[in-house]
Amino acid sequence: MRMRGTLVLAFTVCVCMVGAFGAGPAWAAPRSTPVQVVNLLGIDPNSNTVKAQQLGDWNVAIAGTPSVAQSGAWNVGISGTPSVNIANTPTVRIDGTDNIVTTSTKTSRIQLWTTSQEIAPGGAIVSPVIDCAGYRDMRFTLGASTNSADLEITIWFLTGLDWGYFSFGTFNFAPTTETITTHANFRPTSGFCHFIIPAMSDRCYISIKNNTAGSATVYDMSWVYLVN
Protein backbone atom coordinates (compact mmCIF):
# COMPACT_ATOMS: atom_id res chain seq x y z
CA MET A 1 0.00 0.00 0.00
CA ARG A 2 2.82 2.30 0.80
CA MET A 3 4.43 1.60 -2.58
CA ARG A 4 1.22 2.38 -4.44
CA GLY A 5 0.78 5.69 -2.77
CA THR A 6 4.34 6.59 -3.61
CA LEU A 7 3.79 5.92 -7.30
CA VAL A 8 0.63 7.99 -7.41
CA LEU A 9 2.39 10.92 -5.75
CA ALA A 10 5.32 10.73 -8.12
CA PHE A 11 3.00 10.71 -11.16
CA THR A 12 1.12 13.69 -9.86
CA VAL A 13 4.34 15.66 -9.35
CA CYS A 14 5.51 14.85 -12.87
CA VAL A 15 2.24 16.02 -14.37
CA CYS A 16 2.43 19.28 -12.45
CA MET A 17 6.01 19.91 -13.56
CA VAL A 18 5.14 19.26 -17.19
CA GLY A 19 2.22 21.69 -16.91
CA ALA A 20 4.42 24.31 -15.29
CA PHE A 21 7.32 24.19 -17.71
CA GLY A 22 5.47 23.16 -20.87
CA ALA A 23 2.94 26.07 -20.94
CA GLY A 24 4.06 29.25 -22.85
CA PRO A 25 2.66 32.44 -24.56
CA ALA A 26 0.23 32.00 -27.47
CA TRP A 27 1.49 33.49 -30.78
CA ALA A 28 -0.70 34.18 -33.84
CA ALA A 29 0.34 32.68 -37.09
CA PRO A 30 1.85 35.17 -39.57
CA ARG A 31 -0.53 36.61 -42.33
CA SER A 32 0.01 35.70 -45.92
CA THR A 33 -1.78 38.91 -47.21
CA PRO A 34 -1.17 42.65 -46.35
CA VAL A 35 -3.38 44.46 -43.84
CA GLN A 36 -6.33 46.29 -45.48
CA VAL A 37 -7.84 49.53 -44.04
CA VAL A 38 -11.43 50.24 -45.02
CA ASN A 39 -11.93 53.96 -46.10
CA LEU A 40 -14.89 54.80 -43.90
CA LEU A 41 -14.26 58.61 -43.87
CA GLY A 42 -14.09 59.09 -47.65
CA ILE A 43 -10.43 60.14 -47.79
CA ASP A 44 -9.36 61.28 -51.24
CA PRO A 45 -6.13 59.37 -52.02
CA ASN A 46 -4.98 62.10 -54.46
CA SER A 47 -5.35 65.18 -52.24
CA ASN A 48 -5.32 63.44 -48.82
CA THR A 49 -8.46 65.34 -47.87
CA VAL A 50 -11.60 64.10 -46.16
CA LYS A 51 -14.79 64.54 -48.18
CA ALA A 52 -17.83 65.65 -46.21
CA GLN A 53 -21.40 65.45 -47.44
CA GLN A 54 -23.80 68.27 -46.45
CA LEU A 55 -26.67 67.24 -44.23
CA GLY A 56 -29.25 70.02 -43.84
CA ASP A 57 -28.59 73.78 -44.28
CA TRP A 58 -25.11 75.26 -43.85
CA ASN A 59 -24.44 78.87 -42.84
CA VAL A 60 -21.03 80.11 -43.97
CA ALA A 61 -19.70 83.42 -42.60
CA ILE A 62 -17.07 85.37 -44.60
CA ALA A 63 -14.74 87.66 -42.68
CA GLY A 64 -13.52 90.83 -44.36
CA THR A 65 -14.21 91.75 -47.99
CA PRO A 66 -13.46 88.93 -50.42
CA SER A 67 -12.17 89.66 -53.91
CA VAL A 68 -14.33 88.21 -56.67
CA ALA A 69 -12.96 87.91 -60.19
CA GLN A 70 -15.08 87.22 -63.25
CA SER A 71 -14.41 83.96 -65.00
CA GLY A 72 -15.63 83.86 -68.59
CA ALA A 73 -18.46 85.90 -70.10
CA TRP A 74 -21.41 86.99 -67.96
CA ASN A 75 -24.92 87.41 -69.32
CA VAL A 76 -27.39 89.48 -67.31
CA GLY A 77 -31.05 89.12 -68.18
CA ILE A 78 -33.84 91.48 -67.11
CA SER A 79 -37.35 90.09 -66.92
CA GLY A 80 -40.19 92.25 -68.17
CA THR A 81 -39.86 95.89 -69.20
CA PRO A 82 -38.29 97.92 -66.38
CA SER A 83 -38.66 101.67 -65.96
CA VAL A 84 -35.33 103.45 -65.42
CA ASN A 85 -35.44 106.84 -63.71
CA ILE A 86 -32.28 108.97 -63.55
CA ALA A 87 -32.16 111.90 -61.11
CA ASN A 88 -31.89 115.44 -62.44
CA THR A 89 -32.48 114.34 -66.06
CA PRO A 90 -35.55 113.56 -68.16
CA THR A 91 -37.28 110.26 -67.43
CA VAL A 92 -35.87 107.40 -69.50
CA ARG A 93 -38.34 104.80 -70.74
CA ILE A 94 -37.64 101.50 -72.50
CA ASP A 95 -40.10 100.65 -75.26
CA GLY A 96 -41.00 96.99 -74.78
CA THR A 97 -42.09 96.63 -78.42
CA ASP A 98 -39.21 98.23 -80.29
CA ASN A 99 -36.58 97.83 -77.52
CA ILE A 100 -35.55 101.48 -77.77
CA VAL A 101 -34.92 104.13 -75.13
CA THR A 102 -37.09 107.23 -75.28
CA THR A 103 -36.89 110.46 -73.30
CA SER A 104 -39.46 113.13 -72.73
CA THR A 105 -39.00 116.34 -74.71
CA LYS A 106 -37.29 119.13 -72.81
CA THR A 107 -38.64 122.59 -73.57
CA SER A 108 -38.46 126.07 -72.12
CA ARG A 109 -40.16 129.34 -73.08
CA ILE A 110 -38.45 132.61 -72.19
CA GLN A 111 -39.91 136.09 -72.42
CA LEU A 112 -37.18 138.40 -73.66
CA TRP A 113 -38.60 141.62 -72.19
CA THR A 114 -41.32 141.99 -69.57
CA THR A 115 -42.20 145.46 -70.88
CA SER A 116 -42.19 146.91 -74.38
CA GLN A 117 -38.88 148.54 -75.37
CA GLU A 118 -38.72 151.82 -77.34
CA ILE A 119 -35.66 152.27 -79.56
CA ALA A 120 -34.62 155.73 -80.72
CA PRO A 121 -33.34 156.24 -84.28
CA GLY A 122 -29.82 154.79 -84.48
CA GLY A 123 -30.22 153.15 -81.05
CA ALA A 124 -30.25 149.50 -80.01
CA ILE A 125 -31.45 147.22 -77.23
CA VAL A 126 -29.98 143.96 -75.90
CA SER A 127 -31.87 141.01 -74.44
CA PRO A 128 -30.84 139.20 -71.26
CA VAL A 129 -28.41 136.29 -71.74
CA ILE A 130 -30.28 133.11 -72.70
CA ASP A 131 -29.12 129.85 -71.16
CA CYS A 132 -29.55 127.35 -73.99
CA ALA A 133 -27.29 124.56 -72.67
CA GLY A 134 -28.79 121.13 -73.39
CA TYR A 135 -31.15 122.41 -76.08
CA ARG A 136 -31.01 121.78 -79.82
CA ASP A 137 -33.21 124.45 -81.42
CA MET A 138 -34.16 128.03 -80.60
CA ARG A 139 -37.43 129.36 -82.00
CA PHE A 140 -37.90 133.13 -81.87
CA THR A 141 -41.06 135.16 -82.22
CA LEU A 142 -40.53 138.93 -82.01
CA GLY A 143 -43.11 141.72 -82.35
CA ALA A 144 -42.45 145.36 -83.24
CA SER A 145 -44.32 148.53 -84.21
CA THR A 146 -42.78 148.57 -87.69
CA ASN A 147 -42.31 146.13 -90.52
CA SER A 148 -39.18 147.80 -91.77
CA ALA A 149 -36.12 145.93 -92.95
CA ASP A 150 -34.09 148.59 -91.17
CA LEU A 151 -35.05 147.15 -87.78
CA GLU A 152 -32.34 144.48 -87.58
CA ILE A 153 -31.98 141.56 -85.15
CA THR A 154 -28.55 140.04 -84.51
CA ILE A 155 -27.93 136.73 -82.70
CA TRP A 156 -24.80 136.52 -80.54
CA PHE A 157 -23.43 133.19 -79.29
CA LEU A 158 -20.76 132.65 -76.66
CA THR A 159 -17.55 131.17 -78.06
CA GLY A 160 -16.38 127.80 -76.78
CA LEU A 161 -13.44 129.27 -74.83
CA ASP A 162 -15.42 132.18 -73.31
CA TRP A 163 -13.46 134.68 -75.37
CA GLY A 164 -16.63 136.62 -76.10
CA TYR A 165 -19.68 136.49 -78.33
CA PHE A 166 -19.74 136.18 -82.08
CA SER A 167 -22.46 137.29 -84.49
CA PHE A 168 -24.37 134.29 -85.82
CA GLY A 169 -26.60 136.17 -88.24
CA THR A 170 -29.14 138.96 -88.70
CA PHE A 171 -32.90 139.11 -89.27
CA ASN A 172 -35.37 141.96 -89.78
CA PHE A 173 -39.07 142.77 -89.60
CA ALA A 174 -39.67 143.26 -93.33
CA PRO A 175 -42.61 141.25 -94.73
CA THR A 176 -41.41 138.07 -96.39
CA THR A 177 -42.55 136.71 -99.69
CA GLU A 178 -41.49 133.17 -98.71
CA THR A 179 -43.46 130.76 -96.53
CA ILE A 180 -42.00 129.87 -93.16
CA THR A 181 -42.05 126.15 -93.96
CA THR A 182 -42.03 124.07 -97.09
CA HIS A 183 -45.43 122.86 -98.33
CA ALA A 184 -47.28 125.49 -96.26
CA ASN A 185 -48.96 128.82 -96.94
CA PHE A 186 -48.11 130.45 -93.64
CA ARG A 187 -46.73 133.99 -93.69
CA PRO A 188 -46.10 136.01 -90.51
CA THR A 189 -48.33 138.95 -89.67
CA SER A 190 -46.91 142.38 -90.41
CA GLY A 191 -44.71 143.55 -87.54
CA PHE A 192 -43.68 140.02 -86.50
CA CYS A 193 -40.43 138.22 -87.11
CA HIS A 194 -40.22 134.40 -86.75
CA PHE A 195 -37.09 132.31 -87.18
CA ILE A 196 -35.52 129.04 -85.98
CA ILE A 197 -31.79 128.58 -85.38
CA PRO A 198 -29.65 125.82 -83.81
CA ALA A 199 -28.25 126.35 -80.33
CA MET A 200 -24.61 126.89 -81.22
CA SER A 201 -23.29 127.19 -77.65
CA ASP A 202 -24.46 127.22 -74.04
CA ARG A 203 -25.39 130.93 -73.93
CA CYS A 204 -26.55 133.60 -76.33
CA TYR A 205 -28.41 136.90 -76.53
CA ILE A 206 -29.99 139.06 -79.25
CA SER A 207 -29.59 142.71 -80.07
CA ILE A 208 -32.04 144.84 -82.08
CA LYS A 209 -30.80 147.97 -83.84
CA ASN A 210 -33.08 150.71 -85.18
CA ASN A 211 -31.75 152.02 -88.47
CA THR A 212 -35.01 153.75 -89.37
CA ALA A 213 -35.58 157.50 -89.35
CA GLY A 214 -38.05 157.33 -86.45
CA SER A 215 -38.55 155.58 -83.13
CA ALA A 216 -39.52 151.91 -83.06
CA THR A 217 -40.99 149.79 -80.31
CA VAL A 218 -40.21 146.13 -79.64
CA TYR A 219 -43.15 144.58 -77.82
CA ASP A 220 -43.10 142.51 -74.66
CA MET A 221 -44.77 139.69 -76.63
CA SER A 222 -41.31 138.69 -77.85
CA TRP A 223 -40.38 135.13 -76.88
CA VAL A 224 -37.81 132.41 -77.50
CA TYR A 225 -38.86 128.77 -77.33
CA LEU A 226 -36.07 126.25 -76.53
CA VAL A 227 -36.43 122.60 -77.61
CA ASN A 228 -34.07 119.65 -77.16
C-alpha atoms as a PDB file:
ATOM      1  CA  MET A   1       0.000   0.000   0.000  1.00  0.00           C
ATOM      2  CA  ARG A   2       2.815   2.298   0.795  1.00  0.00           C
ATOM      3  CA  MET A   3       4.430   1.596  -2.581  1.00  0.00           C
ATOM      4  CA  ARG A   4       1.223   2.377  -4.442  1.00  0.00           C
ATOM      5  CA  GLY A   5       0.784   5.693  -2.768  1.00  0.00           C
ATOM      6  CA  THR A   6       4.335   6.587  -3.607  1.00  0.00           C
ATOM      7  CA  LEU A   7       3.790   5.920  -7.297  1.00  0.00           C
ATOM      8  CA  VAL A   8       0.634   7.993  -7.412  1.00  0.00           C
ATOM      9  CA  LEU A   9       2.388  10.917  -5.748  1.00  0.00           C
ATOM     10  CA  ALA A  10       5.323  10.726  -8.125  1.00  0.00           C
ATOM     11  CA  PHE A  11       3.000  10.710 -11.161  1.00  0.00           C
ATOM     12  CA  THR A  12       1.120  13.688  -9.858  1.00  0.00           C
ATOM     13  CA  VAL A  13       4.339  15.660  -9.352  1.00  0.00           C
ATOM     14  CA  CYS A  14       5.507  14.853 -12.866  1.00  0.00           C
ATOM     15  CA  VAL A  15       2.240  16.016 -14.372  1.00  0.00           C
ATOM     16  CA  CYS A  16       2.433  19.278 -12.449  1.00  0.00           C
ATOM     17  CA  MET A  17       6.013  19.913 -13.559  1.00  0.00           C
ATOM     18  CA  VAL A  18       5.138  19.258 -17.189  1.00  0.00           C
ATOM     19  CA  GLY A  19       2.217  21.693 -16.906  1.00  0.00           C
ATOM     20  CA  ALA A  20       4.421  24.311 -15.287  1.00  0.00           C
ATOM     21  CA  PHE A  21       7.323  24.188 -17.706  1.00  0.00           C
ATOM     22  CA  GLY A  22       5.473  23.164 -20.869  1.00  0.00           C
ATOM     23  CA  ALA A  23       2.937  26.067 -20.937  1.00  0.00           C
ATOM     24  CA  GLY A  24       4.060  29.246 -22.853  1.00  0.00           C
ATOM     25  CA  PRO A  25       2.659  32.443 -24.559  1.00  0.00           C
ATOM     26  CA  ALA A  26       0.230  31.998 -27.469  1.00  0.00           C
ATOM     27  CA  TRP A  27       1.486  33.493 -30.784  1.00  0.00           C
ATOM     28  CA  ALA A  28      -0.698  34.181 -33.839  1.00  0.00           C
ATOM     29  CA  ALA A  29       0.345  32.676 -37.085  1.00  0.00           C
ATOM     30  CA  PRO A  30       1.851  35.171 -39.573  1.00  0.00           C
ATOM     31  CA  ARG A  31      -0.534  36.610 -42.329  1.00  0.00           C
ATOM     32  CA  SER A  32       0.009  35.700 -45.922  1.00  0.00           C
ATOM     33  CA  THR A  33      -1.782  38.914 -47.209  1.00  0.00           C
ATOM     34  CA  PRO A  34      -1.169  42.649 -46.355  1.00  0.00           C
ATOM     35  CA  VAL A  35      -3.375  44.459 -43.839  1.00  0.00           C
ATOM     36  CA  GLN A  36      -6.334  46.286 -45.477  1.00  0.00           C
ATOM     37  CA  VAL A  37      -7.839  49.528 -44.036  1.00  0.00           C
ATOM     38  CA  VAL A  38     -11.428  50.241 -45.022  1.00  0.00           C
ATOM     39  CA  ASN A  39     -11.933  53.956 -46.101  1.00  0.00           C
ATOM     40  CA  LEU A  40     -14.887  54.798 -43.896  1.00  0.00           C
ATOM     41  CA  LEU A  41     -14.264  58.606 -43.866  1.00  0.00           C
ATOM     42  CA  GLY A  42     -14.087  59.089 -47.648  1.00  0.00           C
ATOM     43  CA  ILE A  43     -10.425  60.139 -47.791  1.00  0.00           C
ATOM     44  CA  ASP A  44      -9.359  61.280 -51.243  1.00  0.00           C
ATOM     45  CA  PRO A  45      -6.135  59.373 -52.019  1.00  0.00           C
ATOM     46  CA  ASN A  46      -4.981  62.098 -54.459  1.00  0.00           C
ATOM     47  CA  SER A  47      -5.349  65.179 -52.240  1.00  0.00           C
ATOM     48  CA  ASN A  48      -5.325  63.438 -48.823  1.00  0.00           C
ATOM     49  CA  THR A  49      -8.465  65.336 -47.866  1.00  0.00           C
ATOM     50  CA  VAL A  50     -11.604  64.103 -46.163  1.00  0.00           C
ATOM     51  CA  LYS A  51     -14.787  64.536 -48.179  1.00  0.00           C
ATOM     52  CA  ALA A  52     -17.829  65.653 -46.214  1.00  0.00           C
ATOM     53  CA  GLN A  53     -21.400  65.448 -47.441  1.00  0.00           C
ATOM     54  CA  GLN A  54     -23.796  68.266 -46.450  1.00  0.00           C
ATOM     55  CA  LEU A  55     -26.666  67.242 -44.232  1.00  0.00           C
ATOM     56  CA  GLY A  56     -29.255  70.017 -43.838  1.00  0.00           C
ATOM     57  CA  ASP A  57     -28.589  73.776 -44.277  1.00  0.00           C
ATOM     58  CA  TRP A  58     -25.115  75.263 -43.852  1.00  0.00           C
ATOM     59  CA  ASN A  59     -24.439  78.867 -42.839  1.00  0.00           C
ATOM     60  CA  VAL A  60     -21.032  80.108 -43.970  1.00  0.00           C
ATOM     61  CA  ALA A  61     -19.702  83.416 -42.602  1.00  0.00           C
ATOM     62  CA  ILE A  62     -17.075  85.367 -44.598  1.00  0.00           C
ATOM     63  CA  ALA A  63     -14.741  87.660 -42.676  1.00  0.00           C
ATOM     64  CA  GLY A  64     -13.516  90.827 -44.361  1.00  0.00           C
ATOM     65  CA  THR A  65     -14.211  91.749 -47.988  1.00  0.00           C
ATOM     66  CA  PRO A  66     -13.460  88.929 -50.416  1.00  0.00           C
ATOM     67  CA  SER A  67     -12.170  89.656 -53.911  1.00  0.00           C
ATOM     68  CA  VAL A  68     -14.332  88.209 -56.670  1.00  0.00           C
ATOM     69  CA  ALA A  69     -12.958  87.906 -60.191  1.00  0.00           C
ATOM     70  CA  GLN A  70     -15.081  87.225 -63.251  1.00  0.00           C
ATOM     71  CA  SER A  71     -14.406  83.962 -65.004  1.00  0.00           C
ATOM     72  CA  GLY A  72     -15.633  83.865 -68.585  1.00  0.00           C
ATOM     73  CA  ALA A  73     -18.461  85.895 -70.105  1.00  0.00           C
ATOM     74  CA  TRP A  74     -21.412  86.993 -67.963  1.00  0.00           C
ATOM     75  CA  ASN A  75     -24.919  87.414 -69.318  1.00  0.00           C
ATOM     76  CA  VAL A  76     -27.389  89.478 -67.312  1.00  0.00           C
ATOM     77  CA  GLY A  77     -31.049  89.118 -68.184  1.00  0.00           C
ATOM     78  CA  ILE A  78     -33.841  91.481 -67.113  1.00  0.00           C
ATOM     79  CA  SER A  79     -37.346  90.092 -66.917  1.00  0.00           C
ATOM     80  CA  GLY A  80     -40.193  92.253 -68.169  1.00  0.00           C
ATOM     81  CA  THR A  81     -39.861  95.891 -69.197  1.00  0.00           C
ATOM     82  CA  PRO A  82     -38.289  97.921 -66.376  1.00  0.00           C
ATOM     83  CA  SER A  83     -38.655 101.673 -65.961  1.00  0.00           C
ATOM     84  CA  VAL A  84     -35.331 103.453 -65.422  1.00  0.00           C
ATOM     85  CA  ASN A  85     -35.435 106.844 -63.707  1.00  0.00           C
ATOM     86  CA  ILE A  86     -32.283 108.965 -63.548  1.00  0.00           C
ATOM     87  CA  ALA A  87     -32.155 111.895 -61.106  1.00  0.00           C
ATOM     88  CA  ASN A  88     -31.892 115.442 -62.445  1.00  0.00           C
ATOM     89  CA  THR A  89     -32.479 114.340 -66.060  1.00  0.00           C
ATOM     90  CA  PRO A  90     -35.549 113.559 -68.160  1.00  0.00           C
ATOM     91  CA  THR A  91     -37.285 110.262 -67.428  1.00  0.00           C
ATOM     92  CA  VAL A  92     -35.870 107.403 -69.501  1.00  0.00           C
ATOM     93  CA  ARG A  93     -38.336 104.797 -70.737  1.00  0.00           C
ATOM     94  CA  ILE A  94     -37.641 101.498 -72.503  1.00  0.00           C
ATOM     95  CA  ASP A  95     -40.096 100.651 -75.258  1.00  0.00           C
ATOM     96  CA  GLY A  96     -41.003  96.993 -74.777  1.00  0.00           C
ATOM     97  CA  THR A  97     -42.092  96.627 -78.417  1.00  0.00           C
ATOM     98  CA  ASP A  98     -39.209  98.232 -80.286  1.00  0.00           C
ATOM     99  CA  ASN A  99     -36.579  97.832 -77.516  1.00  0.00           C
ATOM    100  CA  ILE A 100     -35.545 101.478 -77.769  1.00  0.00           C
ATOM    101  CA  VAL A 101     -34.922 104.128 -75.132  1.00  0.00           C
ATOM    102  CA  THR A 102     -37.087 107.233 -75.281  1.00  0.00           C
ATOM    103  CA  THR A 103     -36.887 110.460 -73.305  1.00  0.00           C
ATOM    104  CA  SER A 104     -39.462 113.133 -72.730  1.00  0.00           C
ATOM    105  CA  THR A 105     -39.004 116.341 -74.708  1.00  0.00           C
ATOM    106  CA  LYS A 106     -37.292 119.126 -72.806  1.00  0.00           C
ATOM    107  CA  THR A 107     -38.639 122.590 -73.573  1.00  0.00           C
ATOM    108  CA  SER A 108     -38.463 126.067 -72.124  1.00  0.00           C
ATOM    109  CA  ARG A 109     -40.161 129.340 -73.076  1.00  0.00           C
ATOM    110  CA  ILE A 110     -38.446 132.608 -72.186  1.00  0.00           C
ATOM    111  CA  GLN A 111     -39.906 136.092 -72.417  1.00  0.00           C
ATOM    112  CA  LEU A 112     -37.175 138.403 -73.661  1.00  0.00           C
ATOM    113  CA  TRP A 113     -38.602 141.620 -72.186  1.00  0.00           C
ATOM    114  CA  THR A 114     -41.322 141.990 -69.569  1.00  0.00           C
ATOM    115  CA  THR A 115     -42.204 145.463 -70.875  1.00  0.00           C
ATOM    116  CA  SER A 116     -42.187 146.913 -74.378  1.00  0.00           C
ATOM    117  CA  GLN A 117     -38.879 148.545 -75.372  1.00  0.00           C
ATOM    118  CA  GLU A 118     -38.718 151.818 -77.342  1.00  0.00           C
ATOM    119  CA  ILE A 119     -35.656 152.269 -79.557  1.00  0.00           C
ATOM    120  CA  ALA A 120     -34.618 155.732 -80.718  1.00  0.00           C
ATOM    121  CA  PRO A 121     -33.343 156.237 -84.277  1.00  0.00           C
ATOM    122  CA  GLY A 122     -29.821 154.786 -84.476  1.00  0.00           C
ATOM    123  CA  GLY A 123     -30.221 153.151 -81.046  1.00  0.00           C
ATOM    124  CA  ALA A 124     -30.246 149.501 -80.010  1.00  0.00           C
ATOM    125  CA  ILE A 125     -31.451 147.220 -77.228  1.00  0.00           C
ATOM    126  CA  VAL A 126     -29.980 143.963 -75.905  1.00  0.00           C
ATOM    127  CA  SER A 127     -31.871 141.011 -74.444  1.00  0.00           C
ATOM    128  CA  PRO A 128     -30.842 139.198 -71.264  1.00  0.00           C
ATOM    129  CA  VAL A 129     -28.414 136.294 -71.735  1.00  0.00           C
ATOM    130  CA  ILE A 130     -30.285 133.115 -72.697  1.00  0.00           C
ATOM    131  CA  ASP A 131     -29.124 129.850 -71.157  1.00  0.00           C
ATOM    132  CA  CYS A 132     -29.546 127.350 -73.991  1.00  0.00           C
ATOM    133  CA  ALA A 133     -27.294 124.556 -72.671  1.00  0.00           C
ATOM    134  CA  GLY A 134     -28.794 121.133 -73.390  1.00  0.00           C
ATOM    135  CA  TYR A 135     -31.152 122.415 -76.082  1.00  0.00           C
ATOM    136  CA  ARG A 136     -31.008 121.783 -79.815  1.00  0.00           C
ATOM    137  CA  ASP A 137     -33.206 124.447 -81.424  1.00  0.00           C
ATOM    138  CA  MET A 138     -34.156 128.030 -80.598  1.00  0.00           C
ATOM    139  CA  ARG A 139     -37.435 129.359 -82.002  1.00  0.00           C
ATOM    140  CA  PHE A 140     -37.895 133.126 -81.868  1.00  0.00           C
ATOM    141  CA  THR A 141     -41.059 135.165 -82.224  1.00  0.00           C
ATOM    142  CA  LEU A 142     -40.528 138.931 -82.006  1.00  0.00           C
ATOM    143  CA  GLY A 143     -43.110 141.718 -82.348  1.00  0.00           C
ATOM    144  CA  ALA A 144     -42.447 145.360 -83.238  1.00  0.00           C
ATOM    145  CA  SER A 145     -44.316 148.530 -84.210  1.00  0.00           C
ATOM    146  CA  THR A 146     -42.781 148.570 -87.685  1.00  0.00           C
ATOM    147  CA  ASN A 147     -42.309 146.129 -90.519  1.00  0.00           C
ATOM    148  CA  SER A 148     -39.176 147.800 -91.774  1.00  0.00           C
ATOM    149  CA  ALA A 149     -36.117 145.927 -92.949  1.00  0.00           C
ATOM    150  CA  ASP A 150     -34.092 148.594 -91.169  1.00  0.00           C
ATOM    151  CA  LEU A 151     -35.050 147.153 -87.780  1.00  0.00           C
ATOM    152  CA  GLU A 152     -32.342 144.477 -87.584  1.00  0.00           C
ATOM    153  CA  ILE A 153     -31.980 141.558 -85.151  1.00  0.00           C
ATOM    154  CA  THR A 154     -28.546 140.044 -84.509  1.00  0.00           C
ATOM    155  CA  ILE A 155     -27.928 136.729 -82.702  1.00  0.00           C
ATOM    156  CA  TRP A 156     -24.800 136.524 -80.536  1.00  0.00           C
ATOM    157  CA  PHE A 157     -23.432 133.192 -79.293  1.00  0.00           C
ATOM    158  CA  LEU A 158     -20.761 132.653 -76.662  1.00  0.00           C
ATOM    159  CA  THR A 159     -17.546 131.174 -78.059  1.00  0.00           C
ATOM    160  CA  GLY A 160     -16.379 127.805 -76.783  1.00  0.00           C
ATOM    161  CA  LEU A 161     -13.440 129.269 -74.834  1.00  0.00           C
ATOM    162  CA  ASP A 162     -15.422 132.175 -73.306  1.00  0.00           C
ATOM    163  CA  TRP A 163     -13.461 134.677 -75.374  1.00  0.00           C
ATOM    164  CA  GLY A 164     -16.627 136.620 -76.099  1.00  0.00           C
ATOM    165  CA  TYR A 165     -19.684 136.492 -78.325  1.00  0.00           C
ATOM    166  CA  PHE A 166     -19.738 136.181 -82.083  1.00  0.00           C
ATOM    167  CA  SER A 167     -22.461 137.290 -84.495  1.00  0.00           C
ATOM    168  CA  PHE A 168     -24.369 134.288 -85.818  1.00  0.00           C
ATOM    169  CA  GLY A 169     -26.599 136.174 -88.244  1.00  0.00           C
ATOM    170  CA  THR A 170     -29.143 138.963 -88.696  1.00  0.00           C
ATOM    171  CA  PHE A 171     -32.899 139.111 -89.271  1.00  0.00           C
ATOM    172  CA  ASN A 172     -35.371 141.960 -89.777  1.00  0.00           C
ATOM    173  CA  PHE A 173     -39.069 142.770 -89.604  1.00  0.00           C
ATOM    174  CA  ALA A 174     -39.668 143.263 -93.334  1.00  0.00           C
ATOM    175  CA  PRO A 175     -42.610 141.254 -94.731  1.00  0.00           C
ATOM    176  CA  THR A 176     -41.405 138.068 -96.385  1.00  0.00           C
ATOM    177  CA  THR A 177     -42.550 136.708 -99.693  1.00  0.00           C
ATOM    178  CA  GLU A 178     -41.489 133.166 -98.713  1.00  0.00           C
ATOM    179  CA  THR A 179     -43.463 130.758 -96.530  1.00  0.00           C
ATOM    180  CA  ILE A 180     -42.005 129.868 -93.157  1.00  0.00           C
ATOM    181  CA  THR A 181     -42.051 126.150 -93.959  1.00  0.00           C
ATOM    182  CA  THR A 182     -42.026 124.073 -97.092  1.00  0.00           C
ATOM    183  CA  HIS A 183     -45.426 122.862 -98.330  1.00  0.00           C
ATOM    184  CA  ALA A 184     -47.284 125.487 -96.261  1.00  0.00           C
ATOM    185  CA  ASN A 185     -48.964 128.816 -96.940  1.00  0.00           C
ATOM    186  CA  PHE A 186     -48.109 130.447 -93.636  1.00  0.00           C
ATOM    187  CA  ARG A 187     -46.734 133.990 -93.690  1.00  0.00           C
ATOM    188  CA  PRO A 188     -46.099 136.007 -90.506  1.00  0.00           C
ATOM    189  CA  THR A 189     -48.328 138.945 -89.666  1.00  0.00           C
ATOM    190  CA  SER A 190     -46.907 142.382 -90.407  1.00  0.00           C
ATOM    191  CA  GLY A 191     -44.709 143.546 -87.538  1.00  0.00           C
ATOM    192  CA  PHE A 192     -43.680 140.019 -86.499  1.00  0.00           C
ATOM    193  CA  CYS A 193     -40.429 138.216 -87.109  1.00  0.00           C
ATOM    194  CA  HIS A 194     -40.224 134.400 -86.751  1.00  0.00           C
ATOM    195  CA  PHE A 195     -37.087 132.312 -87.182  1.00  0.00           C
ATOM    196  CA  ILE A 196     -35.515 129.044 -85.981  1.00  0.00           C
ATOM    197  CA  ILE A 197     -31.793 128.583 -85.382  1.00  0.00           C
ATOM    198  CA  PRO A 198     -29.647 125.822 -83.812  1.00  0.00           C
ATOM    199  CA  ALA A 199     -28.253 126.349 -80.326  1.00  0.00           C
ATOM    200  CA  MET A 200     -24.611 126.888 -81.219  1.00  0.00           C
ATOM    201  CA  SER A 201     -23.290 127.195 -77.653  1.00  0.00           C
ATOM    202  CA  ASP A 202     -24.458 127.219 -74.040  1.00  0.00           C
ATOM    203  CA  ARG A 203     -25.395 130.926 -73.933  1.00  0.00           C
ATOM    204  CA  CYS A 204     -26.551 133.596 -76.327  1.00  0.00           C
ATOM    205  CA  TYR A 205     -28.414 136.895 -76.534  1.00  0.00           C
ATOM    206  CA  ILE A 206     -29.994 139.062 -79.250  1.00  0.00           C
ATOM    207  CA  SER A 207     -29.595 142.711 -80.070  1.00  0.00           C
ATOM    208  CA  ILE A 208     -32.044 144.837 -82.075  1.00  0.00           C
ATOM    209  CA  LYS A 209     -30.798 147.969 -83.836  1.00  0.00           C
ATOM    210  CA  ASN A 210     -33.075 150.715 -85.175  1.00  0.00           C
ATOM    211  CA  ASN A 211     -31.750 152.021 -88.468  1.00  0.00           C
ATOM    212  CA  THR A 212     -35.009 153.749 -89.375  1.00  0.00           C
ATOM    213  CA  ALA A 213     -35.583 157.504 -89.351  1.00  0.00           C
ATOM    214  CA  GLY A 214     -38.052 157.327 -86.451  1.00  0.00           C
ATOM    215  CA  SER A 215     -38.546 155.578 -83.130  1.00  0.00           C
ATOM    216  CA  ALA A 216     -39.521 151.910 -83.061  1.00  0.00           C
ATOM    217  CA  THR A 217     -40.994 149.791 -80.314  1.00  0.00           C
ATOM    218  CA  VAL A 218     -40.213 146.125 -79.641  1.00  0.00           C
ATOM    219  CA  TYR A 219     -43.148 144.582 -77.824  1.00  0.00           C
ATOM    220  CA  ASP A 220     -43.096 142.509 -74.664  1.00  0.00           C
ATOM    221  CA  MET A 221     -44.774 139.694 -76.633  1.00  0.00           C
ATOM    222  CA  SER A 222     -41.307 138.689 -77.854  1.00  0.00           C
ATOM    223  CA  TRP A 223     -40.380 135.131 -76.879  1.00  0.00           C
ATOM    224  CA  VAL A 224     -37.812 132.407 -77.500  1.00  0.00           C
ATOM    225  CA  TYR A 225     -38.857 128.768 -77.328  1.00  0.00           C
ATOM    226  CA  LEU A 226     -36.069 126.248 -76.534  1.00  0.00           C
ATOM    227  CA  VAL A 227     -36.428 122.602 -77.610  1.00  0.00           C
ATOM    228  CA  ASN A 228     -34.072 119.650 -77.157  1.00  0.00           C
END
